[in-house]
Amino acid sequence: MRNTLLVGASGVLFALLAGCGGGDDSGGGGGGGRGSAPPPPPAPQIGTGDHTAASVTLTPITATGLATVNPSDLAFSPVAPYELWITCQNTATTLDEYLIILDDAAAASITGERIDSTKDGNWGHFYLNPSALDFGAQTSGAGNGWTFATAQDGTRADNHFMGPTLWSADRTVIGHYLPGFDLGLGSHLDMLHSTRYAKGISHEASNIDWVLGEAYYTVMGGGGPKNCLTRYDFKVDHMPGKDDHSDGVRWNYAEGAISTLPGVPAHIFYEPAGKWLYACDPGNHRIVKLDTTSGGTPTAVTAHGSDGQSFKVTGATLADFVAPGLLTTPCGLEIFNNTVFVSDYATGIIHAFDMAGNRINWLDTGLGANAITGMHFGPDGKLYFCDQANDRIVRIDP
């Protein structure tokens, strides 16, 4: 800065010149950054103002004739960049458990489709009260090969036969296997039944997904159900409408360390560079991270029926990323540009943290409690989120 006035202890004013000579601030010079722009504000995706809803624009994303009742999660398709997929949880019956696909979330007039139990066989099992979804890789022989997976926040009371489902992300496949086709098992590609009341899901690689929920072996073990962070490998999918799950493998971590809440998603995010899994822990008011490369030798535990193998891993490193004290009910979680974004279901505040867990920005959306669930960054670099309180999807325009 040029011509800065400093006041010394004696009250004498000293005029200091920042540069030599009397020239302007333009032009070269490598030292001191003369003429350089100020650094950008941290996490500008949620605003650069006073942290209130008035500092940004909350833009509803709606499609004519397509309601998004009780949305739990959302993700943009890898096939068509602005194609937005939204999971909607049940409010009364399995007919309310549906998938909304918006053709182009950036269009002036948005169109799309709804997939539910009238379009796909055994929907009430494979898509039972979905809490989360994540797109995967191009691994399948069905359609265009792209996949996605969903986590189901429910169970079958008689046998706890529930877990994550692998689907085709090809819109000519999903929703085109009517009830009664073949074995009556719809378009799903695979399903492994070792997690009930699942709250979050995140793709790692190939057909491998992480899931947060109550692990089957703890339910059957007599000591009471406990949440685990479970790594699922579907291996090779069985193609639409089939039911061979025998090649599946899963590894259960962090038994009993995370506390979830009824009716509240708890999203997770796998960060591939460091191989850390970040997870919301709403019952303990914190964010944790799991070192997925740590832990002892896996030991076999009870698997469901013909679902392949299941293991328990102890001794893995699970650490606080955001310790209790700041968050009330963390629910949504996304990592973007080396920043961790967390939504609080109890307050309607979206927080941003650097990778050391320091809060660097926040936005009070003004939506209050029971509103924000899943979040996802779009191709435009903007944050989209589910607003359950108002049955809609919202984009933040900073």
Protein backbone atom coordinates (compact mmCIF):
# COMPACT_ATOMS: atom_id res chain seq x y z
CA MET A 1 0.00 0.00 0.00
CA ARG A 2 1.35 3.48 -0.90
CA ASN A 3 1.45 6.52 1.36
CA THR A 4 0.31 4.73 4.50
CA LEU A 5 0.32 6.87 7.63
CA LEU A 6 1.56 5.25 10.82
CA VAL A 7 1.17 6.82 14.26
CA GLY A 8 4.12 6.23 16.56
CA ALA A 9 4.02 6.05 20.32
CA SER A 10 4.89 9.74 20.59
CA GLY A 11 1.97 10.69 18.36
CA VAL A 12 4.27 11.72 15.54
CA LEU A 13 2.97 10.85 12.08
CA PHE A 14 5.34 9.19 9.70
CA ALA A 15 4.57 9.03 5.98
CA LEU A 16 5.83 5.87 4.39
CA LEU A 17 6.05 5.11 0.74
CA ALA A 18 5.44 1.49 -0.22
CA GLY A 19 7.58 1.64 -3.38
CA CYS A 20 10.56 3.53 -4.70
CA GLY A 21 9.94 6.70 -6.68
CA GLY A 22 6.59 8.28 -7.35
CA GLY A 23 5.26 5.97 -10.03
CA ASP A 24 1.85 4.28 -10.06
CA ASP A 25 0.99 0.77 -8.81
CA SER A 26 0.87 -0.88 -12.20
CA GLY A 27 3.58 -2.98 -13.71
CA GLY A 28 6.19 -5.49 -12.63
CA GLY A 29 8.07 -6.14 -9.52
CA GLY A 30 8.18 -9.56 -7.98
CA GLY A 31 8.34 -8.58 -4.31
CA GLY A 32 5.45 -7.58 -2.09
CA GLY A 33 2.75 -8.26 -4.67
CA ARG A 34 2.28 -4.59 -5.64
CA GLY A 35 -0.87 -4.20 -7.69
CA SER A 36 -2.00 -7.77 -7.07
CA ALA A 37 -5.66 -8.56 -6.46
CA PRO A 38 -6.75 -9.48 -2.94
CA PRO A 39 -7.12 -13.19 -2.30
CA PRO A 40 -10.57 -14.60 -3.03
CA PRO A 41 -12.84 -15.11 -0.04
CA PRO A 42 -12.88 -18.65 1.33
CA ALA A 43 -15.67 -20.96 0.14
CA PRO A 44 -17.40 -18.31 -2.01
CA GLN A 45 -19.92 -20.93 -3.17
CA ILE A 46 -22.01 -20.14 -0.08
CA GLY A 47 -21.60 -16.38 -0.28
CA THR A 48 -19.12 -13.63 0.51
CA GLY A 49 -21.34 -11.33 2.55
CA ASP A 50 -22.73 -11.34 6.06
CA HIS A 51 -23.60 -15.09 6.15
CA THR A 52 -27.35 -14.44 5.93
CA ALA A 53 -29.81 -15.64 3.30
CA ALA A 54 -29.95 -12.06 2.02
CA SER A 55 -26.29 -12.30 0.98
CA VAL A 56 -27.07 -14.93 -1.69
CA THR A 57 -29.94 -15.91 -3.95
CA LEU A 58 -31.70 -19.19 -3.18
CA THR A 59 -33.06 -20.30 -6.55
CA PRO A 60 -35.70 -23.07 -6.60
CA ILE A 61 -35.17 -25.74 -9.26
CA THR A 62 -38.58 -26.99 -10.32
CA ALA A 63 -40.07 -28.93 -13.21
CA THR A 64 -43.65 -28.60 -14.35
CA GLY A 65 -45.76 -31.50 -13.12
CA LEU A 66 -42.93 -33.16 -11.15
CA ALA A 67 -43.14 -32.79 -7.39
CA THR A 68 -40.09 -33.47 -5.23
CA VAL A 69 -41.77 -34.47 -1.98
CA ASN A 70 -39.41 -35.15 0.93
CA PRO A 71 -36.17 -35.12 -1.13
CA SER A 72 -33.26 -36.82 0.63
CA ASP A 73 -30.38 -36.60 -1.85
CA LEU A 74 -29.40 -35.52 -5.35
CA ALA A 75 -26.58 -35.98 -7.84
CA PHE A 76 -25.71 -34.89 -11.36
CA SER A 77 -25.36 -37.63 -13.95
CA PRO A 78 -21.94 -38.36 -15.48
CA VAL A 79 -23.72 -39.06 -18.78
CA ALA A 80 -25.48 -35.72 -19.25
CA PRO A 81 -23.88 -32.95 -17.16
CA TYR A 82 -27.00 -31.02 -16.08
CA GLU A 83 -29.20 -34.10 -15.74
CA LEU A 84 -30.15 -34.10 -12.06
CA TRP A 85 -31.30 -37.24 -10.20
CA ILE A 86 -33.22 -36.84 -6.94
CA THR A 87 -34.27 -39.45 -4.36
CA CYS A 88 -37.60 -38.84 -2.63
CA GLN A 89 -38.47 -40.71 0.55
CA ASN A 90 -41.87 -42.10 1.46
CA THR A 91 -44.44 -40.07 3.32
CA ALA A 92 -47.24 -42.64 3.45
CA THR A 93 -46.82 -45.60 1.08
CA THR A 94 -44.23 -47.13 -1.23
CA LEU A 95 -45.85 -45.17 -4.07
CA ASP A 96 -44.26 -42.11 -2.48
CA GLU A 97 -40.77 -43.61 -2.82
CA TYR A 98 -39.74 -42.34 -6.20
CA LEU A 99 -36.84 -41.13 -8.28
CA ILE A 100 -37.05 -37.82 -10.11
CA ILE A 101 -34.78 -37.19 -13.09
CA LEU A 102 -34.58 -33.62 -14.42
CA ASP A 103 -33.43 -33.49 -18.03
CA ASP A 104 -31.54 -30.22 -17.69
CA ALA A 105 -31.50 -28.42 -14.34
CA ALA A 106 -30.08 -25.31 -16.02
CA ALA A 107 -32.86 -24.96 -18.61
CA ALA A 108 -35.31 -22.08 -18.51
CA SER A 109 -38.16 -24.58 -18.60
CA ILE A 110 -37.24 -27.86 -16.91
CA THR A 111 -38.66 -31.22 -17.95
CA GLY A 112 -38.08 -34.67 -16.58
CA GLU A 113 -39.60 -37.94 -15.46
CA ARG A 114 -40.66 -39.83 -12.34
CA ILE A 115 -39.80 -43.49 -11.75
CA ASP A 116 -41.76 -45.39 -9.09
CA SER A 117 -43.30 -48.77 -8.29
CA THR A 118 -45.64 -48.56 -11.28
CA LYS A 119 -42.67 -48.61 -13.65
CA ASP A 120 -40.20 -50.97 -12.01
CA GLY A 121 -40.64 -54.37 -10.37
CA ASN A 122 -40.24 -54.94 -6.60
CA TRP A 123 -39.48 -51.24 -6.20
CA GLY A 124 -40.57 -51.28 -2.55
CA HIS A 125 -37.62 -53.53 -1.70
CA PHE A 126 -34.82 -52.28 -3.93
CA TYR A 127 -35.74 -48.63 -3.36
CA LEU A 128 -37.18 -48.72 0.16
CA ASN A 129 -37.20 -45.22 1.69
CA PRO A 130 -34.01 -44.09 -0.09
CA SER A 131 -31.76 -41.82 1.95
CA ALA A 132 -28.92 -41.31 -0.51
CA LEU A 133 -27.54 -41.98 -3.98
CA ASP A 134 -24.19 -41.69 -5.71
CA PHE A 135 -23.12 -42.29 -9.29
CA GLY A 136 -20.52 -44.94 -9.94
CA ALA A 137 -18.44 -46.13 -12.87
CA GLN A 138 -19.07 -47.46 -16.36
CA THR A 139 -18.86 -51.12 -15.36
CA SER A 140 -22.11 -52.80 -16.40
CA GLY A 141 -23.11 -54.73 -19.47
CA ALA A 142 -26.55 -53.15 -19.25
CA GLY A 143 -27.35 -50.11 -21.40
CA ASN A 144 -24.58 -47.53 -21.59
CA GLY A 145 -22.70 -49.22 -18.74
CA TRP A 146 -22.96 -46.39 -16.22
CA THR A 147 -24.18 -47.19 -12.72
CA PHE A 148 -25.40 -45.55 -9.55
CA ALA A 149 -26.23 -46.90 -6.11
CA THR A 150 -28.80 -46.06 -3.45
CA ALA A 151 -28.93 -46.52 0.33
CA GLN A 152 -32.22 -47.61 1.87
CA ASP A 153 -33.29 -46.21 5.26
CA GLY A 154 -35.50 -49.16 6.21
CA THR A 155 -35.60 -52.88 6.88
CA ARG A 156 -37.68 -56.01 6.61
CA ALA A 157 -38.79 -56.64 10.16
CA ASP A 158 -38.95 -60.40 9.75
CA ASN A 159 -35.40 -61.00 8.49
CA HIS A 160 -33.55 -57.64 8.22
CA PHE A 161 -33.10 -58.33 4.49
CA MET A 162 -31.92 -54.87 3.43
CA GLY A 163 -28.87 -53.12 2.01
CA PRO A 164 -27.58 -50.92 -0.83
CA THR A 165 -28.78 -51.38 -4.40
CA LEU A 166 -26.77 -51.03 -7.61
CA TRP A 167 -28.68 -49.62 -10.61
CA SER A 168 -28.16 -48.78 -14.25
CA ALA A 169 -27.80 -45.05 -14.90
CA ASP A 170 -29.10 -45.62 -18.43
CA ARG A 171 -32.59 -44.14 -18.68
CA THR A 172 -33.60 -46.76 -21.23
CA VAL A 173 -32.98 -49.40 -18.54
CA ILE A 174 -34.11 -48.07 -15.17
CA GLY A 175 -37.87 -47.75 -15.02
CA HIS A 176 -38.40 -50.04 -17.99
CA TYR A 177 -38.72 -53.40 -16.25
CA LEU A 178 -42.37 -53.49 -15.30
CA PRO A 179 -43.67 -55.52 -12.36
CA GLY A 180 -43.99 -59.15 -13.49
CA PHE A 181 -41.13 -59.03 -16.02
CA ASP A 182 -38.83 -62.06 -15.86
CA LEU A 183 -38.39 -62.82 -12.12
CA GLY A 184 -40.34 -59.73 -11.14
CA LEU A 185 -37.18 -58.11 -9.81
CA GLY A 186 -37.21 -54.95 -11.87
CA SER A 187 -34.25 -53.19 -13.41
CA HIS A 188 -31.87 -53.28 -10.45
CA LEU A 189 -28.39 -54.61 -11.24
CA ASP A 190 -27.41 -55.95 -7.82
CA MET A 191 -28.17 -55.73 -4.11
CA LEU A 192 -26.31 -56.84 -0.99
CA HIS A 193 -28.26 -57.22 2.23
CA SER A 194 -26.01 -56.31 5.15
CA THR A 195 -27.07 -52.80 6.18
CA ARG A 196 -30.49 -51.79 7.46
CA TYR A 197 -31.54 -48.19 8.14
CA ALA A 198 -28.77 -46.91 5.87
CA LYS A 199 -28.24 -43.16 6.04
CA GLY A 200 -25.57 -42.41 3.44
CA ILE A 201 -23.63 -43.81 0.49
CA SER A 202 -20.48 -42.82 -1.40
CA HIS A 203 -18.79 -44.37 -4.42
CA GLU A 204 -15.14 -45.38 -4.22
CA ALA A 205 -14.27 -47.08 -7.52
CA SER A 206 -15.55 -49.75 -9.92
CA ASN A 207 -18.58 -51.34 -8.20
CA ILE A 208 -17.41 -50.42 -4.69
CA ASP A 209 -19.50 -48.17 -2.45
CA TRP A 210 -19.33 -47.14 1.20
CA VAL A 211 -22.53 -47.21 3.27
CA LEU A 212 -23.41 -45.92 6.76
CA GLY A 213 -26.05 -47.84 8.69
CA GLU A 214 -26.81 -50.72 11.04
CA ALA A 215 -24.66 -53.71 10.10
CA TYR A 216 -26.46 -57.04 9.72
CA TYR A 217 -23.93 -59.01 11.78
CA THR A 218 -24.50 -56.70 14.77
CA VAL A 219 -28.27 -57.11 14.49
CA MET A 220 -27.92 -60.90 14.52
CA GLY A 221 -25.16 -61.01 17.13
CA GLY A 222 -27.33 -60.46 20.20
CA GLY A 223 -25.53 -57.37 21.45
CA GLY A 224 -27.91 -54.92 19.81
CA PRO A 225 -27.65 -53.25 16.40
CA LYS A 226 -24.70 -50.95 15.80
CA ASN A 227 -23.86 -48.60 12.97
CA CYS A 228 -20.84 -49.34 10.82
CA LEU A 229 -19.10 -47.71 7.91
CA THR A 230 -19.26 -50.61 5.49
CA ARG A 231 -17.30 -51.00 2.28
CA TYR A 232 -19.41 -52.93 -0.26
CA ASP A 233 -17.98 -54.56 -3.38
CA PHE A 234 -20.76 -55.74 -5.68
CA LYS A 235 -18.12 -57.29 -7.97
CA VAL A 236 -19.83 -58.17 -11.28
CA ASP A 237 -23.50 -57.16 -11.41
CA HIS A 238 -26.12 -59.77 -12.27
CA MET A 239 -27.81 -57.59 -14.95
CA PRO A 240 -31.40 -56.31 -14.74
CA GLY A 241 -34.04 -58.49 -13.14
CA LYS A 242 -31.75 -61.22 -11.77
CA ASP A 243 -30.79 -62.13 -8.19
CA ASP A 244 -27.32 -63.72 -8.00
CA HIS A 245 -25.53 -61.90 -5.16
CA SER A 246 -23.07 -64.65 -4.28
CA ASP A 247 -19.90 -62.81 -5.35
CA GLY A 248 -20.46 -59.81 -3.07
CA VAL A 249 -17.97 -58.84 -0.37
CA ARG A 250 -18.19 -56.25 2.41
CA TRP A 251 -15.94 -54.98 5.17
CA ASN A 252 -17.41 -53.35 8.29
CA TYR A 253 -15.48 -50.58 10.06
CA ALA A 254 -15.96 -48.37 13.12
CA GLU A 255 -18.55 -50.57 14.81
CA GLY A 256 -20.76 -48.52 17.13
CA ALA A 257 -18.78 -45.28 16.74
CA ILE A 258 -21.43 -43.30 14.84
CA SER A 259 -24.89 -42.45 16.16
CA THR A 260 -27.67 -41.77 13.66
CA LEU A 261 -31.18 -40.40 14.15
CA PRO A 262 -34.54 -41.73 12.89
CA GLY A 263 -35.72 -39.98 9.74
CA VAL A 264 -32.51 -37.98 9.26
CA PRO A 265 -29.97 -38.85 6.52
CA ALA A 266 -26.30 -38.87 7.51
CA HIS A 267 -24.34 -38.41 4.33
CA ILE A 268 -20.80 -39.62 3.72
CA PHE A 269 -18.09 -38.74 1.20
CA TYR A 270 -15.14 -40.83 0.01
CA GLU A 271 -12.12 -38.68 -0.82
CA PRO A 272 -9.95 -40.72 -3.22
CA ALA A 273 -6.69 -38.77 -3.03
CA GLY A 274 -6.14 -39.41 0.66
CA LYS A 275 -8.42 -42.47 0.84
CA TRP A 276 -10.34 -40.89 3.71
CA LEU A 277 -14.04 -41.44 4.26
CA TYR A 278 -15.81 -38.44 5.80
CA ALA A 279 -19.09 -39.08 7.60
CA CYS A 280 -21.81 -37.14 9.37
CA ASP A 281 -22.38 -38.31 12.94
CA PRO A 282 -25.62 -36.53 13.83
CA GLY A 283 -26.20 -38.28 17.14
CA ASN A 284 -22.79 -37.18 18.39
CA HIS A 285 -22.95 -33.72 16.77
CA ARG A 286 -19.74 -34.08 14.79
CA ILE A 287 -18.02 -35.01 11.51
CA VAL A 288 -15.62 -37.93 11.56
CA LYS A 289 -13.11 -39.25 9.05
CA LEU A 290 -11.99 -42.84 8.59
CA ASP A 291 -8.56 -43.81 7.30
CA THR A 292 -9.71 -46.54 4.94
CA THR A 293 -6.17 -47.91 4.63
CA SER A 294 -5.91 -48.62 8.35
CA GLY A 295 -7.10 -51.48 10.55
CA GLY A 296 -6.15 -55.04 11.40
CA THR A 297 -6.72 -58.30 9.58
CA PRO A 298 -10.40 -58.69 8.64
CA THR A 299 -12.31 -61.40 10.47
CA ALA A 300 -15.37 -63.14 9.05
CA VAL A 301 -18.81 -62.22 10.42
CA THR A 302 -22.35 -63.33 9.64
CA ALA A 303 -23.49 -62.57 6.10
CA HIS A 304 -27.07 -62.72 4.90
CA GLY A 305 -28.00 -65.90 3.02
CA SER A 306 -26.29 -66.21 -0.34
CA ASP A 307 -24.87 -62.68 -0.28
CA GLY A 308 -21.21 -63.67 -0.42
CA GLN A 309 -18.73 -62.77 2.31
CA SER A 310 -18.78 -60.26 5.16
CA PHE A 311 -15.89 -59.17 7.38
CA LYS A 312 -15.24 -56.98 10.40
CA VAL A 313 -12.19 -54.71 10.56
CA THR A 314 -11.01 -53.47 13.96
CA GLY A 315 -8.27 -51.01 14.86
CA ALA A 316 -8.93 -48.61 11.98
CA THR A 317 -8.25 -44.93 12.58
CA LEU A 318 -11.45 -42.92 13.08
CA ALA A 319 -10.87 -39.30 14.08
CA ASP A 320 -12.93 -36.19 14.69
CA PHE A 321 -12.82 -33.86 11.71
CA VAL A 322 -15.23 -31.38 13.31
CA ALA A 323 -15.48 -32.05 17.03
CA PRO A 324 -18.75 -31.66 18.96
CA GLY A 325 -19.66 -28.10 19.83
CA LEU A 326 -20.32 -26.32 16.53
CA LEU A 327 -22.76 -28.65 14.77
CA THR A 328 -26.11 -29.81 16.08
CA THR A 329 -27.37 -32.38 13.55
CA PRO A 330 -24.94 -32.68 10.63
CA CYS A 331 -26.71 -34.21 7.66
CA GLY A 332 -25.42 -33.21 4.20
CA LEU A 333 -21.73 -33.51 3.30
CA GLU A 334 -19.83 -32.62 0.12
CA ILE A 335 -16.17 -31.95 -0.69
CA PHE A 336 -15.41 -29.42 -3.40
CA ASN A 337 -12.20 -27.50 -4.15
CA ASN A 338 -10.49 -28.88 -1.02
CA THR A 339 -13.34 -27.60 1.11
CA VAL A 340 -15.75 -29.69 3.17
CA PHE A 341 -19.34 -28.43 3.13
CA VAL A 342 -21.74 -29.62 5.83
CA SER A 343 -25.44 -28.89 6.24
CA ASP A 344 -27.05 -28.87 9.68
CA TYR A 345 -30.53 -30.41 9.72
CA ALA A 346 -31.37 -28.73 13.03
CA THR A 347 -30.44 -25.17 12.09
CA GLY A 348 -30.54 -24.72 8.29
CA ILE A 349 -26.93 -23.52 8.32
CA ILE A 350 -24.41 -24.70 5.72
CA HIS A 351 -20.84 -24.67 7.04
CA ALA A 352 -17.58 -24.74 5.09
CA PHE A 353 -14.35 -26.17 6.53
CA ASP A 354 -10.82 -26.34 5.23
CA MET A 355 -9.18 -29.75 5.07
CA ALA A 356 -7.81 -29.28 8.59
CA GLY A 357 -11.33 -28.96 9.98
CA ASN A 358 -11.28 -25.19 10.54
CA ARG A 359 -14.52 -23.39 9.70
CA ILE A 360 -13.83 -20.80 7.01
CA ASN A 361 -17.34 -19.72 6.00
CA TRP A 362 -20.99 -20.39 6.70
CA LEU A 363 -24.43 -19.51 5.38
CA ASP A 364 -27.61 -19.34 7.43
CA THR A 365 -30.17 -20.17 4.75
CA GLY A 366 -33.05 -19.03 6.97
CA LEU A 367 -34.82 -22.34 6.30
CA GLY A 368 -34.54 -23.45 9.90
CA ALA A 369 -34.90 -26.98 11.21
CA ASN A 370 -35.86 -30.13 9.29
CA ALA A 371 -34.99 -28.67 5.90
CA ILE A 372 -31.56 -29.28 4.35
CA THR A 373 -30.55 -32.88 3.65
CA GLY A 374 -28.39 -33.91 0.68
CA MET A 375 -26.15 -31.50 -1.24
CA HIS A 376 -24.26 -31.71 -4.53
CA PHE A 377 -22.14 -29.39 -6.65
CA GLY A 378 -23.26 -28.93 -10.23
CA PRO A 379 -21.20 -28.56 -13.41
CA ASP A 380 -21.52 -24.81 -12.89
CA GLY A 381 -19.62 -25.01 -9.60
CA LYS A 382 -22.73 -24.03 -7.64
CA LEU A 383 -24.15 -25.85 -4.65
CA TYR A 384 -27.55 -27.52 -4.99
CA PHE A 385 -29.38 -28.93 -1.97
CA CYS A 386 -32.56 -30.73 -0.94
CA ASP A 387 -35.06 -28.67 1.05
CA GLN A 388 -37.37 -31.16 2.76
CA ALA A 389 -39.30 -28.47 4.61
CA ASN A 390 -40.53 -27.01 1.32
CA ASP A 391 -40.36 -30.13 -0.90
CA ARG A 392 -37.96 -28.64 -3.41
CA ILE A 393 -34.42 -28.45 -4.76
CA VAL A 394 -32.51 -25.20 -4.29
CA ARG A 395 -29.43 -23.74 -5.97
CA ILE A 396 -27.24 -21.20 -4.19
CA ASP A 397 -26.35 -18.29 -6.45
CA PRO A 398 -23.71 -16.35 -4.49
